[in-house]
PDB file of all heavy atoms in Angstrom:
ATOM      1  N   LEU A   1      91.417 102.317 106.296  1.00  0.00           N
ATOM      2  CA  LEU A   1      92.867 102.045 106.398  1.00  0.00           C
ATOM      3  C   LEU A   1      93.406 102.182 107.837  1.00  0.00           C
ATOM      4  O   LEU A   1      94.331 101.562 108.272  1.00  0.00           O
ATOM      5  CB  LEU A   1      93.711 103.034 105.534  1.00  0.00           C
ATOM      6  CG  LEU A   1      93.410 103.010 104.068  1.00  0.00           C
ATOM      7  CD1 LEU A   1      94.304 103.927 103.260  1.00  0.00           C
ATOM      8  CD2 LEU A   1      93.659 101.585 103.524  1.00  0.00           C
ATOM      9  N   THR A   2      92.785 103.019 108.665  1.00  0.00           N
ATOM     10  CA  THR A   2      93.136 103.228 110.096  1.00  0.00           C
ATOM     11  C   THR A   2      93.020 101.924 110.912  1.00  0.00           C
ATOM     12  O   THR A   2      93.455 102.006 111.980  1.00  0.00           O
ATOM     13  CB  THR A   2      92.410 104.340 110.580  1.00  0.00           C
ATOM     14  OG1 THR A   2      91.107 104.110 110.532  1.00  0.00           O
ATOM     15  CG2 THR A   2      92.865 105.668 109.988  1.00  0.00           C
ATOM     16  N   GLY A   3      92.197 100.975 110.430  1.00  0.00           N
ATOM     17  CA  GLY A   3      92.046  99.759 111.236  1.00  0.00           C
ATOM     18  C   GLY A   3      92.939  98.597 110.761  1.00  0.00           C
ATOM     19  O   GLY A   3      92.732  97.440 111.433  1.00  0.00           O
ATOM     20  N   LEU A   4      93.768  98.756 109.885  1.00  0.00           N
ATOM     21  CA  LEU A   4      94.599  97.726 109.369  1.00  0.00           C
ATOM     22  C   LEU A   4      95.983  97.539 109.953  1.00  0.00           C
ATOM     23  O   LEU A   4      96.572  98.559 110.379  1.00  0.00           O
ATOM     24  CB  LEU A   4      94.767  97.881 107.850  1.00  0.00           C
ATOM     25  CG  LEU A   4      93.528  98.028 106.945  1.00  0.00           C
ATOM     26  CD1 LEU A   4      93.825  98.177 105.471  1.00  0.00           C
ATOM     27  CD2 LEU A   4      92.531  96.849 107.236  1.00  0.00           C
ATOM     28  N   VAL A   5      96.469  96.379 110.094  1.00  0.00           N
ATOM     29  CA  VAL A   5      97.805  95.980 110.498  1.00  0.00           C
ATOM     30  C   VAL A   5      98.842  96.467 109.329  1.00  0.00           C
ATOM     31  O   VAL A   5      98.310  96.512 108.110  1.00  0.00           O
ATOM     32  CB  VAL A   5      97.924  94.596 110.960  1.00  0.00           C
ATOM     33  CG1 VAL A   5      97.011  94.226 112.092  1.00  0.00           C
ATOM     34  CG2 VAL A   5      97.762  93.588 109.800  1.00  0.00           C
ATOM     35  N   PRO A   6     100.035  96.626 109.716  1.00  0.00           N
ATOM     36  CA  PRO A   6     100.990  97.095 108.583  1.00  0.00           C
ATOM     37  C   PRO A   6     101.016  96.277 107.407  1.00  0.00           C
ATOM     38  O   PRO A   6     101.000  96.887 106.287  1.00  0.00           O
ATOM     39  CB  PRO A   6     102.307  96.960 109.410  1.00  0.00           C
ATOM     40  CG  PRO A   6     102.019  97.180 110.822  1.00  0.00           C
ATOM     41  CD  PRO A   6     100.680  96.436 111.007  1.00  0.00           C
ATOM     42  N   GLY A   7     100.975  94.903 107.391  1.00  0.00           N
ATOM     43  CA  GLY A   7     101.067  94.108 106.196  1.00  0.00           C
ATOM     44  C   GLY A   7      99.837  94.372 105.342  1.00  0.00           C
ATOM     45  O   GLY A   7      99.786  94.486 104.145  1.00  0.00           O
ATOM     46  N   GLN A   8      98.555  94.418 105.978  1.00  0.00           N
ATOM     47  CA  GLN A   8      97.345  94.722 105.275  1.00  0.00           C
ATOM     48  C   GLN A   8      97.345  96.127 104.598  1.00  0.00           C
ATOM     49  O   GLN A   8      96.937  96.341 103.487  1.00  0.00           O
ATOM     50  CB  GLN A   8      96.121  94.589 106.168  1.00  0.00           C
ATOM     51  CG  GLN A   8      95.865  93.131 106.669  1.00  0.00           C
ATOM     52  CD  GLN A   8      94.685  93.101 107.718  1.00  0.00           C
ATOM     53  OE1 GLN A   8      94.676  93.977 108.616  1.00  0.00           O
ATOM     54  NE2 GLN A   8      93.654  92.316 107.360  1.00  0.00           N
ATOM     55  N   LEU A   9      97.886  97.070 105.454  1.00  0.00           N
ATOM     56  CA  LEU A   9      97.957  98.399 104.946  1.00  0.00           C
ATOM     57  C   LEU A   9      98.755  98.537 103.676  1.00  0.00           C
ATOM     58  O   LEU A   9      98.383  99.105 102.608  1.00  0.00           O
ATOM     59  CB  LEU A   9      98.469  99.276 106.051  1.00  0.00           C
ATOM     60  CG  LEU A   9      98.460 100.829 105.854  1.00  0.00           C
ATOM     61  CD1 LEU A   9      97.030 101.338 105.819  1.00  0.00           C
ATOM     62  CD2 LEU A   9      99.150 101.465 106.949  1.00  0.00           C
ATOM     63  N   ARG A  10      99.931  97.837 103.676  1.00  0.00           N
ATOM     64  CA  ARG A  10     100.739  97.879 102.607  1.00  0.00           C
ATOM     65  C   ARG A  10     100.230  97.276 101.308  1.00  0.00           C
ATOM     66  O   ARG A  10     100.286  97.690 100.234  1.00  0.00           O
ATOM     67  CB  ARG A  10     102.196  97.215 102.879  1.00  0.00           C
ATOM     68  CG  ARG A  10     103.227  97.398 101.898  1.00  0.00           C
ATOM     69  CD  ARG A  10     104.646  96.801 102.410  1.00  0.00           C
ATOM     70  NE  ARG A  10     104.922  97.468 103.748  1.00  0.00           N
ATOM     71  CZ  ARG A  10     104.940  96.825 104.824  1.00  0.00           C
ATOM     72  NH1 ARG A  10     104.589  95.536 105.007  1.00  0.00           N
ATOM     73  NH2 ARG A  10     105.255  97.491 105.993  1.00  0.00           N
ATOM     74  N   HIS A  11      99.461  96.093 101.529  1.00  0.00           N
ATOM     75  CA  HIS A  11      98.856  95.405 100.602  1.00  0.00           C
ATOM     76  C   HIS A  11      97.756  96.304  99.835  1.00  0.00           C
ATOM     77  O   HIS A  11      97.672  96.506  98.541  1.00  0.00           O
ATOM     78  CB  HIS A  11      98.254  94.100 101.017  1.00  0.00           C
ATOM     79  CG  HIS A  11      97.318  93.443 100.081  1.00  0.00           C
ATOM     80  ND1 HIS A  11      97.750  92.968  98.875  1.00  0.00           N
ATOM     81  CD2 HIS A  11      95.997  93.192 100.108  1.00  0.00           C
ATOM     82  CE1 HIS A  11      96.685  92.444  98.152  1.00  0.00           C
ATOM     83  NE2 HIS A  11      95.734  92.524  98.916  1.00  0.00           N
ATOM     84  N   GLU A  12      96.915  96.936 100.649  1.00  0.00           N
ATOM     85  CA  GLU A  12      95.792  97.815 100.091  1.00  0.00           C
ATOM     86  C   GLU A  12      96.320  98.946  99.436  1.00  0.00           C
ATOM     87  O   GLU A  12      95.725  99.399  98.429  1.00  0.00           O
ATOM     88  CB  GLU A  12      94.957  98.249 101.242  1.00  0.00           C
ATOM     89  CG  GLU A  12      93.942  97.202 101.709  1.00  0.00           C
ATOM     90  CD  GLU A  12      92.917  96.872 100.678  1.00  0.00           C
ATOM     91  OE1 GLU A  12      92.400  97.722 100.004  1.00  0.00           O
ATOM     92  OE2 GLU A  12      92.528  95.674 100.632  1.00  0.00           O
ATOM     93  N   ILE A  13      97.493  99.618  99.808  1.00  0.00           N
ATOM     94  CA  ILE A  13      97.950 100.802  99.238  1.00  0.00           C
ATOM     95  C   ILE A  13      99.024 100.503  98.114  1.00  0.00           C
ATOM     96  O   ILE A  13      98.785 100.998  96.902  1.00  0.00           O
ATOM     97  CB  ILE A  13      98.473 101.778 100.270  1.00  0.00           C
ATOM     98  CG1 ILE A  13      97.426 102.124 101.242  1.00  0.00           C
ATOM     99  CG2 ILE A  13      99.214 102.999  99.567  1.00  0.00           C
ATOM    100  CD1 ILE A  13      97.936 102.974 102.425  1.00  0.00           C
ATOM    101  N   CYS A  14      99.919  99.778  98.406  1.00  0.00           N
ATOM    102  CA  CYS A  14     101.050  99.621  97.460  1.00  0.00           C
ATOM    103  C   CYS A  14     100.752  98.569  96.385  1.00  0.00           C
ATOM    104  O   CYS A  14     100.985  98.806  95.159  1.00  0.00           O
ATOM    105  CB  CYS A  14     102.269  99.010  98.155  1.00  0.00           C
ATOM    106  SG  CYS A  14     102.978 100.153  99.379  1.00  0.00           S
ATOM    107  N   ASP A  15     100.053  97.450  96.662  1.00  0.00           N
ATOM    108  CA  ASP A  15      99.765  96.441  95.607  1.00  0.00           C
ATOM    109  C   ASP A  15      98.613  97.045  94.765  1.00  0.00           C
ATOM    110  O   ASP A  15      98.582  96.729  93.544  1.00  0.00           O
ATOM    111  CB  ASP A  15      99.252  95.100  96.301  1.00  0.00           C
ATOM    112  CG  ASP A  15     100.366  94.428  97.006  1.00  0.00           C
ATOM    113  OD1 ASP A  15     101.556  94.747  96.716  1.00  0.00           O
ATOM    114  OD2 ASP A  15     100.142  93.423  97.679  1.00  0.00           O
ATOM    115  N   ASP A  16      97.763  97.903  95.295  1.00  0.00           N
ATOM    116  CA  ASP A  16      96.724  98.588  94.541  1.00  0.00           C
ATOM    117  C   ASP A  16      97.512  99.541  93.396  1.00  0.00           C
ATOM    118  O   ASP A  16      97.155  99.402  92.237  1.00  0.00           O
ATOM    119  CB  ASP A  16      95.936  99.425  95.401  1.00  0.00           C
ATOM    120  CG  ASP A  16      94.877 100.243  94.562  1.00  0.00           C
ATOM    121  OD1 ASP A  16      93.981  99.706  93.891  1.00  0.00           O
ATOM    122  OD2 ASP A  16      94.929 101.515  94.643  1.00  0.00           O
ATOM    123  N   ARG A  17      98.492 100.299  93.886  1.00  0.00           N
ATOM    124  CA  ARG A  17      99.181 101.082  92.873  1.00  0.00           C
ATOM    125  C   ARG A  17      99.997 100.266  91.885  1.00  0.00           C
ATOM    126  O   ARG A  17      99.850 100.566  90.689  1.00  0.00           O
ATOM    127  CB  ARG A  17     100.161 101.989  93.635  1.00  0.00           C
ATOM    128  CG  ARG A  17     100.758 103.001  92.655  1.00  0.00           C
ATOM    129  CD  ARG A  17     101.648 104.027  93.466  1.00  0.00           C
ATOM    130  NE  ARG A  17     102.019 105.191  92.489  1.00  0.00           N
ATOM    131  CZ  ARG A  17     103.189 105.569  92.224  1.00  0.00           C
ATOM    132  NH1 ARG A  17     104.337 104.789  92.764  1.00  0.00           N
ATOM    133  NH2 ARG A  17     103.495 106.462  91.360  1.00  0.00           N
ATOM    134  N   THR A  18     100.516  99.164  92.304  1.00  0.00           N
ATOM    135  CA  THR A  18     101.315  98.334  91.313  1.00  0.00           C
ATOM    136  C   THR A  18     100.250  97.718  90.302  1.00  0.00           C
ATOM    137  O   THR A  18     100.656  97.760  89.050  1.00  0.00           O
ATOM    138  CB  THR A  18     101.969  97.180  92.049  1.00  0.00           C
ATOM    139  OG1 THR A  18     102.963  97.713  93.011  1.00  0.00           O
ATOM    140  CG2 THR A  18     102.639  96.180  91.084  1.00  0.00           C
ATOM    141  N   SER A  19      99.080  97.283  90.691  1.00  0.00           N
ATOM    142  CA  SER A  19      98.123  96.748  89.792  1.00  0.00           C
ATOM    143  C   SER A  19      97.673  97.827  88.694  1.00  0.00           C
ATOM    144  O   SER A  19      97.539  97.606  87.523  1.00  0.00           O
ATOM    145  CB  SER A  19      96.898  96.349  90.472  1.00  0.00           C
ATOM    146  OG  SER A  19      97.090  95.252  91.349  1.00  0.00           O
ATOM    147  N   LEU A  20      97.598  99.074  89.186  1.00  0.00           N
ATOM    148  CA  LEU A  20      97.149 100.173  88.193  1.00  0.00           C
ATOM    149  C   LEU A  20      98.385 100.488  87.277  1.00  0.00           C
ATOM    150  O   LEU A  20      98.129 100.632  86.151  1.00  0.00           O
ATOM    151  CB  LEU A  20      96.843 101.362  88.982  1.00  0.00           C
ATOM    152  CG  LEU A  20      95.602 101.204  89.903  1.00  0.00           C
ATOM    153  CD1 LEU A  20      95.436 102.446  90.842  1.00  0.00           C
ATOM    154  CD2 LEU A  20      94.374 101.071  89.083  1.00  0.00           C
ATOM    155  N   LEU A  21      99.559 100.582  87.847  1.00  0.00           N
ATOM    156  CA  LEU A  21     100.724 100.812  87.015  1.00  0.00           C
ATOM    157  C   LEU A  21     100.895  99.644  85.966  1.00  0.00           C
ATOM    158  O   LEU A  21     101.316  99.983  84.816  1.00  0.00           O
ATOM    159  CB  LEU A  21     101.989 100.953  87.795  1.00  0.00           C
ATOM    160  CG  LEU A  21     102.083 102.150  88.839  1.00  0.00           C
ATOM    161  CD1 LEU A  21     103.284 102.114  89.621  1.00  0.00           C
ATOM    162  CD2 LEU A  21     102.039 103.481  87.921  1.00  0.00           C
ATOM    163  N   ASP A  22     100.714  98.420  86.403  1.00  0.00           N
ATOM    164  CA  ASP A  22     100.926  97.307  85.363  1.00  0.00           C
ATOM    165  C   ASP A  22      99.880  97.354  84.300  1.00  0.00           C
ATOM    166  O   ASP A  22     100.009  96.601  83.324  1.00  0.00           O
ATOM    167  CB  ASP A  22     100.720  95.970  86.246  1.00  0.00           C
ATOM    168  CG  ASP A  22     101.997  95.729  87.004  1.00  0.00           C
ATOM    169  OD1 ASP A  22     103.035  96.489  86.841  1.00  0.00           O
ATOM    170  OD2 ASP A  22     102.044  94.770  87.848  1.00  0.00           O
ATOM    171  N   GLN A  23      98.729  98.159  84.380  1.00  0.00           N
ATOM    172  CA  GLN A  23      97.851  98.236  83.398  1.00  0.00           C
ATOM    173  C   GLN A  23      98.082  99.520  82.441  1.00  0.00           C
ATOM    174  O   GLN A  23      97.304  99.842  81.728  1.00  0.00           O
ATOM    175  CB  GLN A  23      96.433  98.338  84.016  1.00  0.00           C
ATOM    176  CG  GLN A  23      95.950  97.199  84.630  1.00  0.00           C
ATOM    177  CD  GLN A  23      95.732  96.011  83.594  1.00  0.00           C
ATOM    178  OE1 GLN A  23      95.336  96.267  82.484  1.00  0.00           O
ATOM    179  NE2 GLN A  23      95.862  94.731  83.986  1.00  0.00           N
ATOM    180  N   GLY A  24      99.323 100.133  82.712  1.00  0.00           N
ATOM    181  CA  GLY A  24      99.593 101.298  81.925  1.00  0.00           C
ATOM    182  C   GLY A  24      98.915 102.644  82.349  1.00  0.00           C
ATOM    183  O   GLY A  24      98.797 103.491  81.561  1.00  0.00           O
ATOM    184  N   LEU A  25      98.495 102.570  83.585  1.00  0.00           N
ATOM    185  CA  LEU A  25      97.879 103.814  84.106  1.00  0.00           C
ATOM    186  C   LEU A  25      98.826 104.703  84.861  1.00  0.00           C
ATOM    187  O   LEU A  25      99.575 104.144  85.718  1.00  0.00           O
ATOM    188  CB  LEU A  25      96.698 103.451  85.050  1.00  0.00           C
ATOM    189  CG  LEU A  25      95.584 102.602  84.148  1.00  0.00           C
ATOM    190  CD1 LEU A  25      94.570 101.944  85.230  1.00  0.00           C
ATOM    191  CD2 LEU A  25      94.946 103.352  83.175  1.00  0.00           C
ATOM    192  N   GLU A  26      98.947 105.927  84.636  1.00  0.00           N
ATOM    193  CA  GLU A  26      99.933 106.903  85.209  1.00  0.00           C
ATOM    194  C   GLU A  26      99.337 107.412  86.506  1.00  0.00           C
ATOM    195  O   GLU A  26      98.684 108.349  86.635  1.00  0.00           O
ATOM    196  CB  GLU A  26     100.093 108.009  84.240  1.00  0.00           C
ATOM    197  CG  GLU A  26     101.287 108.926  84.593  1.00  0.00           C
ATOM    198  CD  GLU A  26     101.387 109.986  83.430  1.00  0.00           C
ATOM    199  OE1 GLU A  26     100.826 109.825  82.417  1.00  0.00           O
ATOM    200  OE2 GLU A  26     102.250 110.892  83.628  1.00  0.00           O
ATOM    201  N   VAL A  27      99.659 106.652  87.558  1.00  0.00           N
ATOM    202  CA  VAL A  27      99.035 106.889  88.927  1.00  0.00           C
ATOM    203  C   VAL A  27      99.946 107.667  89.857  1.00  0.00           C
ATOM    204  O   VAL A  27     100.965 106.963  90.381  1.00  0.00           O
ATOM    205  CB  VAL A  27      98.552 105.536  89.498  1.00  0.00           C
ATOM    206  CG1 VAL A  27      97.791 105.711  90.917  1.00  0.00           C
ATOM    207  CG2 VAL A  27      97.699 104.795  88.599  1.00  0.00           C
TER     208      VAL A  27
END
């Protein structure tokens, strides 16, 4: 994560969490 630009960082972290939440996982 320390090598990513802001947009990539947000995608890797936030979109990952959204994908997990959308599957009914309490993350």
